[in-house]
Protein backbone atom coordinates (compact mmCIF):
# COMPACT_ATOMS: atom_id res chain seq x y z
CA MET A 1 57.56 80.49 160.02
CA THR A 2 56.63 77.04 161.32
CA LEU A 3 56.95 73.82 159.37
CA ARG A 4 53.18 73.38 159.73
CA GLU A 5 52.63 76.76 158.11
CA LEU A 6 55.03 76.12 155.24
CA THR A 7 53.56 72.69 154.51
CA ALA A 8 49.96 73.90 154.68
CA PHE A 9 50.62 76.95 152.50
CA SER A 10 52.46 75.01 149.80
CA THR A 11 49.95 72.17 149.72
CA GLU A 12 46.87 74.41 149.70
CA LEU A 13 48.32 76.79 147.11
CA LEU A 14 48.74 73.94 144.62
CA SER A 15 45.37 72.32 145.33
CA ALA A 16 43.42 75.61 145.41
CA TYR A 17 45.12 76.71 142.20
CA SER A 18 44.11 73.45 140.51
CA ARG A 19 40.49 74.16 141.44
CA ASN A 20 40.52 77.47 139.56
CA ASP A 21 39.42 75.54 136.49
CA ALA A 22 37.75 72.54 138.16
CA THR A 23 34.13 71.52 137.72
CA ARG A 24 31.40 72.76 140.05
CA ALA A 25 30.91 69.19 141.22
CA THR A 26 34.55 68.98 142.30
CA ILE A 27 34.39 72.27 144.19
CA LEU A 28 31.16 71.39 145.98
CA GLU A 29 32.57 68.00 146.97
CA VAL A 30 35.57 69.76 148.57
CA GLN A 31 33.11 72.07 150.34
CA ARG A 32 31.08 69.13 151.69
CA ARG A 33 34.19 67.28 152.87
CA ARG A 34 35.54 70.33 154.68
CA LEU A 35 32.16 71.06 156.22
CA ARG A 36 31.98 67.55 157.66
CA GLU A 37 35.41 68.01 159.23
CA LEU A 38 34.46 71.44 160.58
CA VAL A 39 31.23 70.19 162.15
CA THR A 40 33.11 67.33 163.81
CA VAL A 41 35.68 69.72 165.27
CA ALA A 42 33.07 72.31 166.27
CA SER A 43 30.93 69.71 168.06
CA GLN A 44 33.73 69.32 170.60
CA THR A 45 33.50 72.97 171.70
CA ARG A 46 31.09 74.27 174.33
CA ARG A 47 29.34 76.57 171.85
CA TYR A 48 28.54 73.83 169.35
CA ARG A 49 28.45 70.84 171.70
CA GLY A 50 26.83 67.85 169.96
CA LEU A 51 26.40 69.64 166.61
CA THR A 52 25.68 67.25 163.75
CA SER A 53 25.02 69.53 160.78
CA LEU A 54 25.35 73.13 159.63
CA ASP A 55 21.58 73.56 159.59
CA ALA A 56 21.48 72.83 163.31
CA ALA A 57 23.86 75.70 164.10
CA ALA A 58 22.11 78.86 165.26
CA PRO A 59 23.33 82.09 163.62
CA THR A 60 25.93 83.87 165.73
CA ASP A 61 27.70 87.21 165.75
CA LYS A 62 30.66 89.06 167.23
CA ARG A 63 28.86 89.86 170.47
CA ALA A 64 28.10 86.19 171.07
CA VAL A 65 31.70 85.23 170.33
CA LEU A 66 33.01 87.77 172.84
CA ASP A 67 30.45 86.86 175.52
CA ASP A 68 31.68 83.26 175.61
CA PHE A 69 35.08 83.43 174.01
CA ASP A 70 36.52 80.29 175.58
CA GLY A 71 33.38 78.33 174.73
CA GLY A 72 34.08 78.70 171.03
CA LEU A 73 37.66 77.41 171.11
CA VAL A 74 38.84 73.85 170.55
CA LYS A 75 40.89 71.97 173.11
CA GLY A 76 44.50 73.15 173.13
CA ALA A 77 43.73 76.67 171.98
CA PRO A 78 44.79 79.59 174.21
CA ASP A 79 42.09 80.91 176.54
CA GLU A 80 40.72 84.45 176.50
CA ALA A 81 43.04 85.69 179.24
CA SER A 82 46.11 84.50 177.32
CA VAL A 83 44.84 86.01 174.07
CA ARG A 84 44.14 89.41 175.61
CA ALA A 85 47.52 89.42 177.34
CA PHE A 86 49.17 88.64 174.01
CA LEU A 87 47.38 91.57 172.34
CA HIS A 88 49.04 93.89 174.86
CA ARG A 89 52.55 92.48 174.74
CA GLY A 90 52.90 90.49 171.52
CA ALA A 91 54.06 91.92 168.21
CA PRO A 92 51.48 91.95 165.38
CA ALA A 93 51.77 88.88 163.14
CA SER A 94 53.84 86.98 165.72
CA LEU A 95 52.62 83.65 167.06
CA LEU A 96 50.97 83.07 170.42
CA ASN A 97 52.35 79.88 172.01
CA ASP A 98 54.40 79.36 168.82
CA ARG A 99 51.28 78.30 166.95
CA PHE A 100 48.32 80.66 166.98
CA ILE A 101 47.52 83.79 164.96
CA VAL A 102 45.51 86.45 166.80
CA ALA A 103 43.74 89.18 164.86
CA THR A 104 41.32 91.93 165.87
CA THR A 105 38.66 93.81 164.00
CA SER A 106 39.17 97.54 163.62
CA GLY A 107 36.02 98.30 165.62
CA THR A 108 34.20 100.15 162.84
CA THR A 109 30.89 98.51 163.76
CA GLY A 110 31.28 98.16 167.50
CA GLU A 111 33.75 96.99 170.09
CA VAL A 112 36.87 95.29 168.85
CA GLY A 113 36.39 91.64 167.96
CA ILE A 114 39.10 89.06 168.65
CA PHE A 115 39.67 85.98 166.50
CA VAL A 116 42.15 83.13 166.71
CA THR A 117 43.35 80.60 164.17
CA ASP A 118 46.20 78.13 164.13
CA ASP A 119 49.17 78.70 161.85
CA ALA A 120 48.27 75.90 159.43
CA SER A 121 44.66 77.08 158.99
CA PHE A 122 45.86 80.65 158.51
CA ALA A 123 48.32 79.46 155.85
CA ARG A 124 45.54 77.66 153.97
CA LEU A 125 43.35 80.76 154.04
CA ARG A 126 46.19 82.89 152.68
CA ALA A 127 47.05 80.30 150.04
CA THR A 128 43.45 80.32 148.79
CA VAL A 129 43.62 84.07 148.17
CA PHE A 130 47.00 83.79 146.42
CA ALA A 131 45.71 80.97 144.22
CA ARG A 132 42.79 83.12 143.04
CA ILE A 133 44.83 86.32 142.60
CA PHE A 134 47.41 84.54 140.46
CA ARG A 135 44.87 82.53 138.47
CA GLY A 136 46.40 81.56 135.14
CA GLN A 137 49.86 82.81 136.08
CA LEU A 138 51.43 80.03 138.16
CA LYS A 139 52.79 78.21 135.14
CA PRO A 140 56.31 76.91 134.41
CA GLU A 141 57.20 80.05 132.48
CA GLY A 142 55.96 82.15 135.38
CA PHE A 143 58.14 80.32 137.88
CA ALA A 144 61.09 80.68 135.49
CA LEU A 145 60.54 84.43 135.49
CA LEU A 146 60.38 84.48 139.30
CA ALA A 147 63.76 82.75 139.37
CA LYS A 148 65.27 85.70 137.50
CA ARG A 149 63.72 88.49 139.55
CA ARG A 150 62.29 89.03 143.00
CA TYR A 151 58.59 89.81 142.81
CA ARG A 152 57.96 92.99 144.79
CA LEU A 153 54.70 93.17 146.73
CA THR A 154 53.79 96.38 148.53
CA PHE A 155 50.96 96.71 151.03
CA VAL A 156 49.81 100.32 151.59
CA ILE A 157 47.84 99.95 154.79
CA ALA A 158 47.15 101.25 158.28
CA THR A 159 49.96 99.81 160.37
CA GLY A 160 50.02 99.17 164.09
CA GLY A 161 47.81 96.88 166.11
CA HIS A 162 46.74 93.32 165.39
CA THR A 163 44.24 94.00 162.61
CA MET A 164 44.00 91.25 160.00
CA THR A 165 45.28 93.55 157.25
CA SER A 166 48.47 94.16 159.23
CA VAL A 167 48.84 90.47 160.04
CA LEU A 168 48.46 89.47 156.39
CA ALA A 169 50.99 92.06 155.26
CA LEU A 170 53.56 91.38 157.95
CA ARG A 171 53.32 87.60 158.14
CA MET A 172 54.52 86.76 154.66
CA PRO A 173 55.80 83.17 154.56
CA LYS A 174 59.61 83.08 154.55
CA ALA A 175 59.53 80.69 151.62
CA GLY A 176 57.66 83.36 149.69
CA ARG A 177 60.31 85.93 150.50
CA ILE A 178 62.84 83.91 148.49
CA ALA A 179 61.01 84.94 145.33
CA ALA A 180 59.24 88.01 146.68
CA ASP A 181 60.32 91.33 148.14
CA VAL A 182 57.55 92.32 150.53
CA SER A 183 57.24 95.83 151.93
CA VAL A 184 54.63 97.60 154.04
CA VAL A 185 53.95 101.33 153.61
CA SER A 186 51.85 103.12 156.22
CA ILE A 187 49.02 105.31 155.01
CA ASP A 188 49.45 107.50 158.09
CA GLN A 189 51.86 109.92 156.42
CA PRO A 190 51.63 112.93 154.09
CA LEU A 191 50.55 112.06 150.58
CA GLN A 192 53.80 113.29 149.05
CA SER A 193 55.78 111.01 151.38
CA LEU A 194 53.58 108.09 150.42
CA VAL A 195 54.15 108.77 146.74
CA GLN A 196 57.90 109.09 147.27
CA ALA A 197 58.06 105.76 149.13
CA LEU A 198 56.28 103.98 146.29
CA ASN A 199 58.39 105.63 143.61
CA THR A 200 61.57 104.61 145.43
CA ARG A 201 60.59 100.93 145.46
CA PRO A 202 57.96 100.47 142.74
CA PRO A 203 55.95 97.27 143.30
CA LEU A 204 54.80 94.67 140.81
CA LEU A 205 51.83 93.87 143.05
CA LEU A 206 50.23 96.80 144.84
CA HIS A 207 47.60 96.24 147.52
CA SER A 208 45.65 98.83 149.49
CA TYR A 209 42.17 100.00 150.41
CA ALA A 210 39.99 100.87 147.43
CA THR A 211 39.77 104.57 148.28
CA VAL A 212 43.53 104.86 148.83
CA LEU A 213 44.19 103.15 145.50
CA GLU A 214 41.86 105.60 143.79
CA LEU A 215 43.79 108.46 145.32
CA LEU A 216 47.10 106.95 144.16
CA ALA A 217 45.63 106.53 140.70
CA HIS A 218 44.95 110.27 140.58
CA GLU A 219 48.58 110.89 141.55
CA GLN A 220 49.69 108.55 138.76
CA LEU A 221 47.51 110.35 136.21
CA GLN A 222 49.00 113.66 137.32
CA GLY A 223 52.51 112.28 136.81
CA ARG A 224 53.63 112.49 140.42
CA LEU A 225 53.42 108.74 140.96
CA ARG A 226 55.38 106.61 138.49
CA LEU A 227 54.44 102.95 138.86
CA ALA A 228 53.94 100.08 136.43
CA PRO A 229 52.40 97.32 138.57
CA GLU A 230 51.34 94.03 137.03
CA ILE A 231 48.61 93.43 139.60
CA VAL A 232 46.64 95.91 141.73
CA THR A 233 44.45 94.42 144.46
CA ALA A 234 41.87 96.30 146.49
CA GLY A 235 40.49 95.19 149.84
CA SER A 236 38.62 96.31 152.98
CA GLU A 237 36.33 98.64 151.00
CA PRO A 238 34.07 98.10 147.97
CA LEU A 239 35.78 98.85 144.66
CA THR A 240 33.31 101.04 142.77
CA GLN A 241 33.05 100.98 139.01
CA GLN A 242 34.31 104.55 138.99
CA ALA A 243 37.36 103.59 141.03
CA ARG A 244 38.03 100.57 138.80
CA GLN A 245 37.94 102.75 135.68
CA THR A 246 40.27 105.30 137.27
CA LEU A 247 42.70 102.56 138.33
CA GLN A 248 42.70 101.02 134.87
CA ALA A 249 43.35 104.42 133.29
CA ALA A 250 46.24 105.04 135.68
CA PHE A 251 47.72 101.54 135.44
CA PRO A 252 46.75 100.35 131.94
CA THR A 253 48.98 97.24 131.94
CA ALA A 254 47.88 96.03 135.37
CA THR A 255 45.28 93.44 136.26
CA ILE A 256 42.84 95.14 138.66
CA LEU A 257 41.42 92.75 141.26
CA GLU A 258 39.13 93.16 144.25
CA THR A 259 39.00 90.99 147.34
CA TRP A 260 36.11 90.55 149.75
CA ALA A 261 37.31 89.55 153.17
CA ALA A 262 36.77 90.02 156.88
CA THR A 263 38.82 89.42 159.97
CA GLU A 264 36.56 86.43 160.59
CA HIS A 265 37.38 85.02 157.13
CA VAL A 266 40.13 86.44 154.93
CA ALA A 267 39.27 84.40 151.84
CA LEU A 268 35.63 85.07 151.05
CA ALA A 269 35.90 86.16 147.42
CA VAL A 270 38.32 87.42 144.78
CA SER A 271 37.37 89.11 141.53
CA CYS A 272 38.18 87.88 138.06
CA THR A 273 39.70 89.99 135.27
CA LEU A 274 36.18 91.00 134.20
CA GLY A 275 35.58 92.61 137.60
CA HIS A 276 33.15 90.03 139.01
CA LEU A 277 33.67 88.78 142.55
CA HIS A 278 33.77 84.99 142.80
CA LEU A 279 33.10 83.18 146.06
CA ASN A 280 35.81 80.89 147.36
CA GLU A 281 33.33 78.09 147.83
CA ASP A 282 36.11 75.64 148.68
CA ALA A 283 36.93 77.77 151.75
CA ALA A 284 33.57 79.22 152.81
CA ILE A 285 29.83 78.74 152.77
CA ILE A 286 27.83 81.92 152.21
CA GLU A 287 24.14 82.27 153.09
CA ALA A 288 22.41 85.39 151.81
CA VAL A 289 19.57 86.08 154.26
CA ASP A 290 16.93 88.64 155.19
CA ASP A 291 16.52 90.45 158.54
CA ASP A 292 15.15 87.26 160.11
CA ASN A 293 18.05 85.12 158.82
CA ARG A 294 15.83 83.45 156.23
CA PRO A 295 17.46 82.68 152.86
CA VAL A 296 16.68 85.04 150.01
CA PRO A 297 16.32 83.79 146.42
CA ALA A 298 19.35 83.84 144.15
CA GLY A 299 19.63 87.17 142.36
CA THR A 300 17.95 89.02 145.27
CA TRP A 301 19.73 91.47 147.54
CA SER A 302 20.07 90.21 151.09
CA GLU A 303 19.97 92.26 154.29
CA ARG A 304 23.01 90.45 155.70
CA VAL A 305 25.10 87.37 155.13
CA LEU A 306 25.93 84.32 157.25
CA ILE A 307 29.42 82.95 156.66
CA THR A 308 30.88 79.60 157.63
CA ASN A 309 34.66 79.47 157.68
CA LEU A 310 35.61 76.01 156.44
CA LEU A 311 39.32 76.39 157.19
CA ASN A 312 39.53 77.70 160.77
CA LEU A 313 39.69 74.62 162.96
CA THR A 314 40.75 76.46 166.13
CA GLN A 315 37.84 78.86 166.60
CA PRO A 316 35.05 77.36 164.48
CA LEU A 317 32.71 79.99 163.05
CA LEU A 318 29.49 78.59 161.63
CA ARG A 319 26.74 80.83 160.27
CA TYR A 320 28.50 83.94 161.56
CA ARG A 321 26.71 87.19 160.74
CA LEU A 322 28.24 89.93 158.63
CA ASP A 323 26.11 92.96 157.90
CA ASP A 324 27.13 93.32 154.27
CA ARG A 325 24.32 93.22 151.73
CA VAL A 326 25.02 90.71 148.98
CA ARG A 327 23.45 89.32 145.84
CA VAL A 328 24.48 85.90 144.55
CA ASP A 329 24.37 85.58 140.76
CA PRO A 330 23.78 81.98 139.62
CA ALA A 331 24.71 82.70 135.99
CA PRO A 332 28.12 81.44 134.79
CA CYS A 333 30.79 84.10 134.30
CA LEU A 334 32.35 84.66 130.90
CA CYS A 335 35.78 84.46 132.55
CA GLY A 336 35.29 80.71 132.87
CA SER A 337 35.59 80.53 136.66
CA PRO A 338 33.59 77.67 138.17
CA PHE A 339 32.97 79.65 141.36
CA ALA A 340 29.66 81.44 141.93
CA ARG A 341 29.53 85.20 141.41
CA ILE A 342 28.53 87.58 144.18
CA GLU A 343 27.93 91.31 144.42
CA VAL A 344 28.72 93.01 147.73
CA GLU A 345 27.24 96.34 148.73
CA GLY A 346 29.11 98.19 151.45
CA ARG A 347 27.40 100.38 154.03
CA THR A 348 27.24 103.85 152.49
CA ASP A 349 26.48 105.66 155.76
CA ASP A 350 30.02 104.90 156.95
CA THR A 351 31.45 107.53 154.57
CA ILE A 352 31.61 111.13 155.80
CA TYR A 353 31.48 113.90 153.19
CA LEU A 354 33.04 117.19 154.30
CA ASP A 355 32.97 120.50 152.42
CA ASP A 356 36.44 122.10 152.19
CA GLY A 357 35.14 125.28 150.53
CA HIS A 358 35.93 124.04 147.03
CA GLY A 359 33.97 120.82 147.00
CA PHE A 360 33.19 117.71 149.01
CA GLN A 361 35.80 115.26 150.28
CA ALA A 362 34.74 111.65 150.86
CA HIS A 363 36.26 110.37 154.13
CA THR A 364 35.94 106.62 154.59
CA PRO A 365 36.20 105.05 158.08
CA ILE A 366 39.76 103.73 157.89
CA PRO A 367 41.60 107.10 158.05
CA PHE A 368 39.53 108.08 161.11
CA GLU A 369 40.37 104.73 162.69
CA VAL A 370 44.06 105.45 162.06
CA VAL A 371 43.71 108.86 163.75
CA LEU A 372 42.32 107.28 166.92
CA LEU A 373 44.34 104.06 166.85
CA GLY A 374 46.38 103.67 169.99
CA VAL A 375 45.09 106.66 171.98
CA PRO A 376 45.92 105.62 175.58
CA GLY A 377 42.81 105.07 177.65
CA LEU A 378 40.37 105.19 174.70
CA TRP A 379 38.22 102.06 174.86
CA GLN A 380 35.37 102.79 172.44
CA PHE A 381 34.26 105.71 170.32
CA ALA A 382 31.41 106.74 168.07
CA LEU A 383 32.02 109.42 165.45
CA VAL A 384 28.82 110.94 164.07
CA HIS A 385 28.50 113.42 161.23
CA GLU A 386 25.48 115.19 162.67
CA GLN A 387 25.15 118.14 160.30
CA GLN A 388 27.22 119.36 157.37
CA ASN A 389 30.80 119.89 158.62
CA GLU A 390 29.83 119.19 162.22
CA LEU A 391 31.28 116.11 163.92
CA ARG A 392 30.61 114.68 167.36
CA LEU A 393 32.92 112.09 168.90
CA SER A 394 31.53 110.24 171.91
CA MET A 395 34.11 108.23 173.82
CA VAL A 396 34.18 105.58 176.51
CA THR A 397 37.43 105.47 178.45
CA ASP A 398 39.16 102.54 180.10
CA PRO A 399 38.42 102.13 183.81
CA GLY A 400 40.85 104.29 185.76
CA ALA A 401 41.86 106.41 182.76
CA ASP A 402 41.77 110.18 183.15
CA ALA A 403 39.01 111.34 180.81
CA ALA A 404 40.45 114.84 180.37
CA THR A 405 43.82 113.43 179.30
CA VAL A 406 42.20 111.02 176.85
CA ALA A 407 40.01 113.80 175.42
CA ALA A 408 43.01 116.10 175.01
CA ALA A 409 44.87 113.40 173.04
CA VAL A 410 41.83 112.85 170.83
CA VAL A 411 41.51 116.59 170.17
CA VAL A 412 45.16 116.87 169.15
CA ARG A 413 44.85 114.00 166.67
CA MET A 414 41.55 115.21 165.23
CA GLU A 415 42.88 118.73 164.81
CA ARG A 416 45.92 117.44 162.98
CA HIS A 417 43.77 115.27 160.72
CA LEU A 418 41.50 118.18 159.80
CA ARG A 419 44.47 120.50 159.29
CA ASP A 420 46.17 118.03 156.97
CA HIS A 421 43.04 117.95 154.83
CA GLY A 422 42.57 121.73 154.74
CA LEU A 423 39.45 121.54 156.91
CA THR A 424 40.53 123.43 160.05
CA GLU A 425 38.32 126.46 159.38
CA GLN A 426 35.46 124.58 157.78
CA VAL A 427 34.80 121.68 160.17
CA SER A 428 33.92 121.80 163.86
CA PHE A 429 33.92 118.87 166.22
CA VAL A 430 32.95 118.08 169.79
CA VAL A 431 34.51 115.40 172.02
CA GLU A 432 32.42 114.10 174.91
CA GLN A 433 32.81 111.34 177.46
CA VAL A 434 29.83 109.01 177.87
CA PRO A 435 29.32 105.99 180.16
CA SER A 436 28.35 103.79 177.22
CA LEU A 437 27.55 104.00 173.52
CA SER A 438 24.04 103.58 172.19
CA ARG A 439 23.16 100.56 170.10
CA HIS A 440 20.66 100.18 167.29
CA PRO A 441 17.27 99.42 168.86
CA ARG A 442 16.49 96.62 166.40
CA SER A 443 19.82 95.02 165.58
CA GLY A 444 21.62 95.82 168.83
CA LYS A 445 24.54 96.94 166.73
CA LEU A 446 26.91 99.73 167.68
CA ARG A 447 28.08 101.92 164.82
CA GLN A 448 31.34 103.78 165.33
CA ILE A 449 31.37 105.77 162.08
CA THR A 450 28.02 107.19 161.01
CA SER A 451 26.89 110.02 158.78
CA LEU A 452 23.44 111.55 159.18
CA VAL A 453 24.07 113.95 156.29
CA ARG A 454 22.88 113.27 152.77
CA LYS A 455 25.51 112.14 150.30
CA PRO A 456 26.41 114.99 147.87
CA GLU A 457 26.04 114.49 144.15
CA ALA A 458 29.69 115.41 143.50
CA PHE A 459 32.76 114.58 145.56
CA VAL A 460 36.37 113.38 145.37
CA PRO A 461 38.20 110.86 147.58
CA ALA A 462 39.89 112.59 150.50
CA ALA A 463 43.67 112.35 150.45
CA THR A 464 45.12 110.04 153.07
CA ARG A 465 46.69 113.18 154.54
CA ARG A 466 47.37 116.39 152.64
CA VAL A 467 48.91 119.72 153.45
CA ALA A 468 46.53 122.45 154.58
CA GLY A 469 45.51 124.64 151.70
CA GLU A 470 46.35 122.08 149.01
CA ALA A 471 43.46 121.60 146.63
CA ALA A 472 41.78 118.24 146.67
CA PRO A 473 42.58 116.08 143.63
CA THR A 474 40.17 116.22 140.72
CA PRO A 475 39.73 112.95 138.82
CA ALA A 476 40.81 113.12 135.21
CA SER A 477 37.96 110.84 134.25
CA SER A 478 35.25 110.46 136.86
CA SER A 479 31.54 110.86 137.41
CA SER A 480 32.22 112.41 140.82
CA ARG A 481 33.38 116.00 140.26
CA ARG A 482 34.31 118.81 142.52
CA ARG A 483 31.80 121.58 143.02
CA ARG A 484 32.62 124.81 141.15
């Protein structure tokens, strides 16, 4: 950990925490000050040359960032060639040139995106999230308790690669490790092994994907998992009301929190104890817009959102498009937070529902990404649920890769995944090589996980991995039931 990182994290944690109960005027003044600094820095890059205000910045997206990667970086930042070389040889969460964090998107919505930030900016982003998660808890008595015990944080995530989730989990500040015991548990293992790992070292703060947490909650309700966390945080996927209720039933003494983040900005919003997401307006500017990037009225669902990262001063991102639908609620929250509330609606056609003969399993994109992560020679893929229990995986291979070898590796991994979920006999799939993947005719977007099959009325979350023949878990209290 660099001195810059330690200083930035400590300073921002204290200042961001103080803003948890600040006035709206104070927060918006911080936002304006940081925006002025960002615009000044951005105006020195080729992409934003001469920029004088946020309004003058044209909306951008991942494709534009990749097309002119070097043009979006400030002077002194590593160029694209150095960044791509680092992704091949560097360890996740390590620093490039002893200063820069490199993170990639998982590729769910197209080719993998690459984003760079300096260590100090990354530390400030992380500190903002910590300040909101621990709202009301960083008091003298809380620090006294930390002095008597090491606070155990466990991240149950997809490991491997340079995804932002892995970077956040692995790059815990060393100063934080004095008071915290941080561990990372891979979701790419049998469910019983996952449960055993958590029981062996029960965390006080448990973080994972919303659907994985819901699955773990079912294990807790069945008595196989025995945890008593103080805080449970969900990220990467929307936390449904059903999932929140199940988590609260399983972990009644825990504070259940949700985070809204992206590789492009890891500190967009954190929920309060009432379950409402609050924008981190001191770290980001959010514009809810329609299909033509025009602002929608407050309280109206948008078609997408434009984000401006106020804290990344290495690769400035102004009015960057995310395809989440959001609704900003101007009404004050009863929790007392001065930050605006926001609702985020995830893309429902990313979830694949497969019939195992007893009922429907809901398979979210992340487990499929884990299955295909690291297949040698696999450049891009598109997994489509064409008809009930029929999957088609179209793949684009790296230049020079042997397509038959790549396809064979994909088949082995897919077969294992289906077998572990008891779906070998029920689900068929086809793997095909294609020269390129089709994009949406209107948005130009490439979707890597898509379901063309109607969502069933009743389903349960698919286990991360489960033994063939094992019945899918049935929620003890849930509106989504297994078919009888």
